[in-house]
C-alpha atoms as a PDB file:
ATOM      1  CA  MET A   1      -5.767  47.716  13.391  1.00  0.00           C
ATOM      2  CA  ALA A   2      -4.997  48.753   9.773  1.00  0.00           C
ATOM      3  CA  GLY A   3      -5.800  51.985   7.799  1.00  0.00           C
ATOM      4  CA  ILE A   4      -8.485  52.747   5.772  1.00  0.00           C
ATOM      5  CA  HIS A   5      -6.981  53.975   3.175  1.00  0.00           C
ATOM      6  CA  ILE A   6      -8.366  58.480   1.702  1.00  0.00           C
ATOM      7  CA  THR A   7      -9.487  56.242  -2.097  1.00  0.00           C
ATOM      8  CA  ASP A   8     -11.628  53.891   0.545  1.00  0.00           C
ATOM      9  CA  ILE A   9     -13.115  56.908   1.729  1.00  0.00           C
ATOM     10  CA  GLU A  10     -14.052  58.423  -1.909  1.00  0.00           C
ATOM     11  CA  SER A  11     -15.297  55.078  -3.454  1.00  0.00           C
ATOM     12  CA  ALA A  12     -17.775  54.746   0.015  1.00  0.00           C
ATOM     13  CA  ILE A  13     -18.502  58.961  -0.241  1.00  0.00           C
ATOM     14  CA  ASN A  14     -19.586  58.439  -4.489  1.00  0.00           C
ATOM     15  CA  TRP A  15     -21.154  55.452  -3.328  1.00  0.00           C
ATOM     16  CA  TRP A  16     -23.188  57.499  -0.835  1.00  0.00           C
ATOM     17  CA  ARG A  17     -23.982  60.219  -2.832  1.00  0.00           C
ATOM     18  CA  GLN A  18     -25.426  57.976  -5.371  1.00  0.00           C
ATOM     19  CA  ARG A  19     -27.936  57.115  -2.735  1.00  0.00           C
ATOM     20  CA  ALA A  20     -28.514  60.000  -0.912  1.00  0.00           C
ATOM     21  CA  PRO A  21     -27.587  62.585  -2.481  1.00  0.00           C
ATOM     22  CA  GLY A  22     -29.182  64.905   0.128  1.00  0.00           C
ATOM     23  CA  ASP A  23     -31.441  68.339  -0.847  1.00  0.00           C
ATOM     24  CA  GLY A  24     -28.991  69.957  -2.984  1.00  0.00           C
ATOM     25  CA  VAL A  25     -28.077  72.342   0.189  1.00  0.00           C
ATOM     26  CA  THR A  26     -27.291  69.545   2.807  1.00  0.00           C
ATOM     27  CA  LEU A  27     -25.734  66.153   2.859  1.00  0.00           C
ATOM     28  CA  GLY A  28     -26.982  63.273   4.498  1.00  0.00           C
ATOM     29  CA  PRO A  29     -25.708  61.954   7.536  1.00  0.00           C
ATOM     30  CA  GLU A  30     -23.687  59.500   6.384  1.00  0.00           C
ATOM     31  CA  LEU A  31     -21.945  61.384   3.636  1.00  0.00           C
ATOM     32  CA  ARG A  32     -21.790  64.160   6.276  1.00  0.00           C
ATOM     33  CA  ALA A  33     -19.891  61.533   8.662  1.00  0.00           C
ATOM     34  CA  LEU A  34     -17.547  60.814   5.250  1.00  0.00           C
ATOM     35  CA  ALA A  35     -16.906  63.938   4.182  1.00  0.00           C
ATOM     36  CA  GLU A  36     -15.217  65.335   7.466  1.00  0.00           C
ATOM     37  CA  VAL A  37     -12.795  62.632   7.821  1.00  0.00           C
ATOM     38  CA  TYR A  38     -12.059  63.042   4.411  1.00  0.00           C
ATOM     39  CA  ALA A  39     -11.504  66.112   5.148  1.00  0.00           C
ATOM     40  CA  LEU A  40      -9.118  65.936   8.094  1.00  0.00           C
ATOM     41  CA  MET A  41      -7.137  63.449   5.938  1.00  0.00           C
ATOM     42  CA  VAL A  42      -6.368  66.100   3.485  1.00  0.00           C
ATOM     43  CA  PHE A  43      -5.754  68.822   5.750  1.00  0.00           C
ATOM     44  CA  HIS A  44      -3.324  66.378   7.852  1.00  0.00           C
ATOM     45  CA  HIS A  45      -2.107  65.400   4.720  1.00  0.00           C
ATOM     46  CA  GLU A  46      -2.769  61.771   5.747  1.00  0.00           C
ATOM     47  CA  ALA A  47      -3.274  58.472   2.908  1.00  0.00           C
ATOM     48  CA  GLU A  48      -4.862  56.237   5.571  1.00  0.00           C
ATOM     49  CA  CYS A  49      -7.001  57.316   8.847  1.00  0.00           C
ATOM     50  CA  ASP A  50      -7.579  54.132  11.771  1.00  0.00           C
ATOM     51  CA  GLU A  51     -10.941  52.177  11.758  1.00  0.00           C
ATOM     52  CA  ASP A  52     -10.266  52.276  15.832  1.00  0.00           C
ATOM     53  CA  SER A  53     -10.211  55.857  16.024  1.00  0.00           C
ATOM     54  CA  MET A  54     -12.822  56.612  13.162  1.00  0.00           C
ATOM     55  CA  PRO A  55     -15.842  58.286  14.246  1.00  0.00           C
ATOM     56  CA  ALA A  56     -18.875  55.618  14.730  1.00  0.00           C
ATOM     57  CA  PRO A  57     -21.041  57.198  12.476  1.00  0.00           C
ATOM     58  CA  ALA A  58     -18.191  57.663   9.287  1.00  0.00           C
ATOM     59  CA  LEU A  59     -17.045  54.213  10.070  1.00  0.00           C
ATOM     60  CA  ALA A  60     -21.333  52.820   9.945  1.00  0.00           C
ATOM     61  CA  ALA A  61     -21.404  54.700   6.441  1.00  0.00           C
ATOM     62  CA  TRP A  62     -18.032  53.481   5.986  1.00  0.00           C
ATOM     63  CA  LEU A  63     -19.071  49.942   5.899  1.00  0.00           C
ATOM     64  CA  ARG A  64     -22.324  50.133   4.644  1.00  0.00           C
ATOM     65  CA  TRP A  65     -20.217  50.613   1.437  1.00  0.00           C
ATOM     66  CA  TYR A  66     -17.808  48.047   1.942  1.00  0.00           C
ATOM     67  CA  ASP A  67     -20.746  45.896   2.475  1.00  0.00           C
ATOM     68  CA  THR A  68     -20.633  46.160  -1.433  1.00  0.00           C
ATOM     69  CA  THR A  69     -17.857  45.389  -2.537  1.00  0.00           C
ATOM     70  CA  PRO A  70     -16.326  41.954  -3.236  1.00  0.00           C
ATOM     71  CA  ASP A  71     -14.560  40.137  -0.257  1.00  0.00           C
ATOM     72  CA  ALA A  72     -11.890  37.932  -1.074  1.00  0.00           C
ATOM     73  CA  PRO A  73      -9.801  37.941  -4.317  1.00  0.00           C
ATOM     74  CA  CYS A  74      -9.686  34.663  -4.968  1.00  0.00           C
ATOM     75  CA  ILE A  75     -10.185  33.373  -8.528  1.00  0.00           C
ATOM     76  CA  ALA A  76      -9.744  29.461  -7.562  1.00  0.00           C
ATOM     77  CA  ILE A  77      -6.600  29.132  -8.523  1.00  0.00           C
ATOM     78  CA  CYS A  78      -4.201  29.377  -5.054  1.00  0.00           C
ATOM     79  CA  SER A  79      -0.996  28.585  -5.771  1.00  0.00           C
ATOM     80  CA  THR A  80      -0.042  28.806  -1.713  1.00  0.00           C
ATOM     81  CA  SER A  81      -1.463  25.196  -0.809  1.00  0.00           C
ATOM     82  CA  GLN A  82       1.290  24.099  -3.358  1.00  0.00           C
ATOM     83  CA  GLY A  83       4.445  26.093  -1.687  1.00  0.00           C
ATOM     84  CA  ASP A  84       4.083  29.590  -3.003  1.00  0.00           C
ATOM     85  CA  GLU A  85       4.414  32.379  -0.792  1.00  0.00           C
ATOM     86  CA  LEU A  86       2.662  34.583  -2.775  1.00  0.00           C
ATOM     87  CA  CYS A  87      -0.447  32.821  -4.564  1.00  0.00           C
ATOM     88  CA  LYS A  88      -0.342  32.919  -8.862  1.00  0.00           C
ATOM     89  CA  GLY A  89      -4.379  33.632  -8.975  1.00  0.00           C
ATOM     90  CA  CYS A  90      -5.052  36.496  -6.105  1.00  0.00           C
ATOM     91  CA  GLY A  91      -1.853  37.878  -5.667  1.00  0.00           C
ATOM     92  CA  ARG A  92      -2.331  37.394  -1.564  1.00  0.00           C
ATOM     93  CA  SER A  93       0.299  35.527   0.807  1.00  0.00           C
ATOM     94  CA  PHE A  94       0.088  32.450   2.405  1.00  0.00           C
ATOM     95  CA  ASP A  95      -0.395  34.053   5.792  1.00  0.00           C
ATOM     96  CA  GLU A  96      -3.157  36.518   4.338  1.00  0.00           C
ATOM     97  CA  VAL A  97      -5.196  33.826   2.510  1.00  0.00           C
ATOM     98  CA  GLN A  98      -5.298  31.729   5.949  1.00  0.00           C
ATOM     99  CA  ASP A  99      -6.240  34.612   8.345  1.00  0.00           C
ATOM    100  CA  TRP A 100      -8.598  36.127   5.606  1.00  0.00           C
ATOM    101  CA  PRO A 101     -11.895  35.019   7.923  1.00  0.00           C
ATOM    102  CA  VAL A 102     -10.129  36.553  10.316  1.00  0.00           C
ATOM    103  CA  PHE A 103      -9.229  39.970   8.905  1.00  0.00           C
ATOM    104  CA  THR A 104     -11.354  43.105   9.842  1.00  0.00           C
ATOM    105  CA  PRO A 105     -12.777  45.159   7.195  1.00  0.00           C
ATOM    106  CA  ALA A 106      -9.738  47.354   6.852  1.00  0.00           C
ATOM    107  CA  GLU A 107      -7.189  44.299   6.641  1.00  0.00           C
ATOM    108  CA  LYS A 108      -9.190  43.232   3.596  1.00  0.00           C
ATOM    109  CA  ARG A 109      -9.450  46.555   1.752  1.00  0.00           C
ATOM    110  CA  ALA A 110      -5.662  46.961   2.486  1.00  0.00           C
ATOM    111  CA  THR A 111      -4.662  43.491   1.157  1.00  0.00           C
ATOM    112  CA  TRP A 112      -6.940  44.398  -1.563  1.00  0.00           C
ATOM    113  CA  ARG A 113      -5.512  47.413  -2.210  1.00  0.00           C
ATOM    114  CA  ARG A 114      -1.845  46.064  -2.040  1.00  0.00           C
ATOM    115  CA  ILE A 115      -2.424  43.176  -4.703  1.00  0.00           C
ATOM    116  CA  THR A 116      -4.676  45.874  -6.744  1.00  0.00           C
ATOM    117  CA  LEU A 117      -1.504  48.523  -7.352  1.00  0.00           C
ATOM    118  CA  GLU A 118       1.469  45.035  -7.551  1.00  0.00           C
ATOM    119  CA  GLY A 119      -1.405  44.007 -10.666  1.00  0.00           C
ATOM    120  CA  SER A 120       0.971  40.785 -11.303  1.00  0.00           C
ATOM    121  CA  ALA A 121      -1.582  38.416  -9.503  1.00  0.00           C
ATOM    122  CA  TRP A 122      -3.377  36.376 -12.312  1.00  0.00           C
ATOM    123  CA  ARG A 123      -7.075  38.084 -11.775  1.00  0.00           C
ATOM    124  CA  PHE A 124      -5.365  41.193 -12.723  1.00  0.00           C
ATOM    125  CA  ASN A 125      -4.228  40.042 -16.512  1.00  0.00           C
ATOM    126  CA  ARG A 126      -4.645  36.161 -17.228  1.00  0.00           C
ATOM    127  CA  TYR A 127      -8.338  36.159 -16.599  1.00  0.00           C
ATOM    128  CA  ALA A 128      -8.695  39.429 -17.205  1.00  0.00           C
ATOM    129  CA  GLU A 129      -7.660  39.549 -20.507  1.00  0.00           C
ATOM    130  CA  ARG A 130      -9.696  36.636 -20.892  1.00  0.00           C
ATOM    131  CA  ALA A 131     -12.880  38.648 -19.704  1.00  0.00           C
ATOM    132  CA  ILE A 132     -12.497  41.739 -21.918  1.00  0.00           C
ATOM    133  CA  GLU A 133     -12.284  39.533 -25.181  1.00  0.00           C
ATOM    134  CA  ARG A 134     -15.328  37.011 -24.379  1.00  0.00           C
ATOM    135  CA  ARG A 135     -17.450  41.144 -23.379  1.00  0.00           C
ATOM    136  CA  GLN A 136     -16.838  42.163 -27.218  1.00  0.00           C
ATOM    137  CA  GLY A 137     -18.169  39.515 -28.353  1.00  0.00           C
ATOM    138  CA  PRO A 138     -16.794  37.570 -31.809  1.00  0.00           C
ATOM    139  CA  PRO A 139     -15.108  40.240 -34.330  1.00  0.00           C
ATOM    140  CA  GLU A 140     -17.513  41.529 -37.189  1.00  0.00           C
ATOM    141  CA  ARG A 141     -16.979  39.573 -40.871  1.00  0.00           C
ATOM    142  CA  SER A 142     -17.324  42.581 -43.626  1.00  0.00           C
ATOM    143  CA  GLY A 143     -19.177  40.791 -46.391  1.00  0.00           C
ATOM    144  CA  GLU A 144     -19.990  38.198 -45.429  1.00  0.00           C
ATOM    145  CA  ALA A 145     -23.329  37.935 -44.842  1.00  0.00           C
ATOM    146  CA  GLY A 146     -25.098  35.105 -42.449  1.00  0.00           C
ATOM    147  CA  ALA A 147     -21.606  33.538 -41.350  1.00  0.00           C
ATOM    148  CA  GLU A 148     -22.205  30.619 -39.173  1.00  0.00           C
ATOM    149  CA  ALA A 149     -20.873  30.370 -35.411  1.00  0.00           C
ATOM    150  CA  ALA A 150     -18.932  27.783 -35.776  1.00  0.00           C
ATOM    151  CA  ASP A 151     -16.882  29.640 -38.288  1.00  0.00           C
ATOM    152  CA  VAL A 152     -16.442  32.254 -36.314  1.00  0.00           C
ATOM    153  CA  PRO A 153     -12.820  31.976 -33.820  1.00  0.00           C
ATOM    154  CA  ASP A 154     -13.775  32.060 -29.947  1.00  0.00           C
ATOM    155  CA  ALA A 155     -11.940  34.131 -27.450  1.00  0.00           C
ATOM    156  CA  ALA A 156      -8.996  31.621 -27.572  1.00  0.00           C
ATOM    157  CA  GLY A 157      -8.422  31.951 -31.177  1.00  0.00           C
ATOM    158  CA  ALA A 158      -9.927  28.269 -32.015  1.00  0.00           C
ATOM    159  CA  PRO A 159     -12.632  27.569 -34.773  1.00  0.00           C
ATOM    160  CA  GLY A 160     -16.036  26.760 -33.339  1.00  0.00           C
ATOM    161  CA  GLY A 161     -17.374  30.213 -31.772  1.00  0.00           C
ATOM    162  CA  PRO A 162     -18.703  29.456 -28.004  1.00  0.00           C
ATOM    163  CA  SER A 163     -18.112  25.795 -27.489  1.00  0.00           C
ATOM    164  CA  GLY A 164     -14.613  25.862 -28.710  1.00  0.00           C
ATOM    165  CA  ARG A 165     -15.225  22.631 -31.574  1.00  0.00           C
ATOM    166  CA  ALA A 166     -14.796  23.028 -35.287  1.00  0.00           C
ATOM    167  CA  SER A 167     -17.514  22.796 -37.612  1.00  0.00           C
ATOM    168  CA  ASP A 168     -17.947  18.968 -39.100  1.00  0.00           C
ATOM    169  CA  GLU A 169     -19.154  20.739 -42.089  1.00  0.00           C
END
């Protein structure tokens, strides 16, 4: 069985703190269960806890947080089907892609942690950069009131705004 990393325990604690902060004196049952596991991990200098030996209330609270996270890192560009050992799109190995449906939540989070730390998959660079550019919107043009959308470059730098087509003016 895969271990649950301490950063996932921290994320679950923070998620529960937003949903059930307690009364200011005592913690809610989910927070208390996760906090006990977290404290033992810190005390024993352990980076992971085994999901099979985790107390049932803590595991239930962690699984409730886990259900709010994205399941698969797939971005629908799978190069393992073309013979690559590691997918260029998501960073998973061929075996991880094939076995994903039967992975436990801890195994899935361990894979997510590995590919996030590596950061070499397209989901973390090539496609992430495009998403950031689109969120920022078109660049502001000083001194030109009423600039047409067709005159503003799109995210890829081509004229024509969001459609990517140049204006016929």
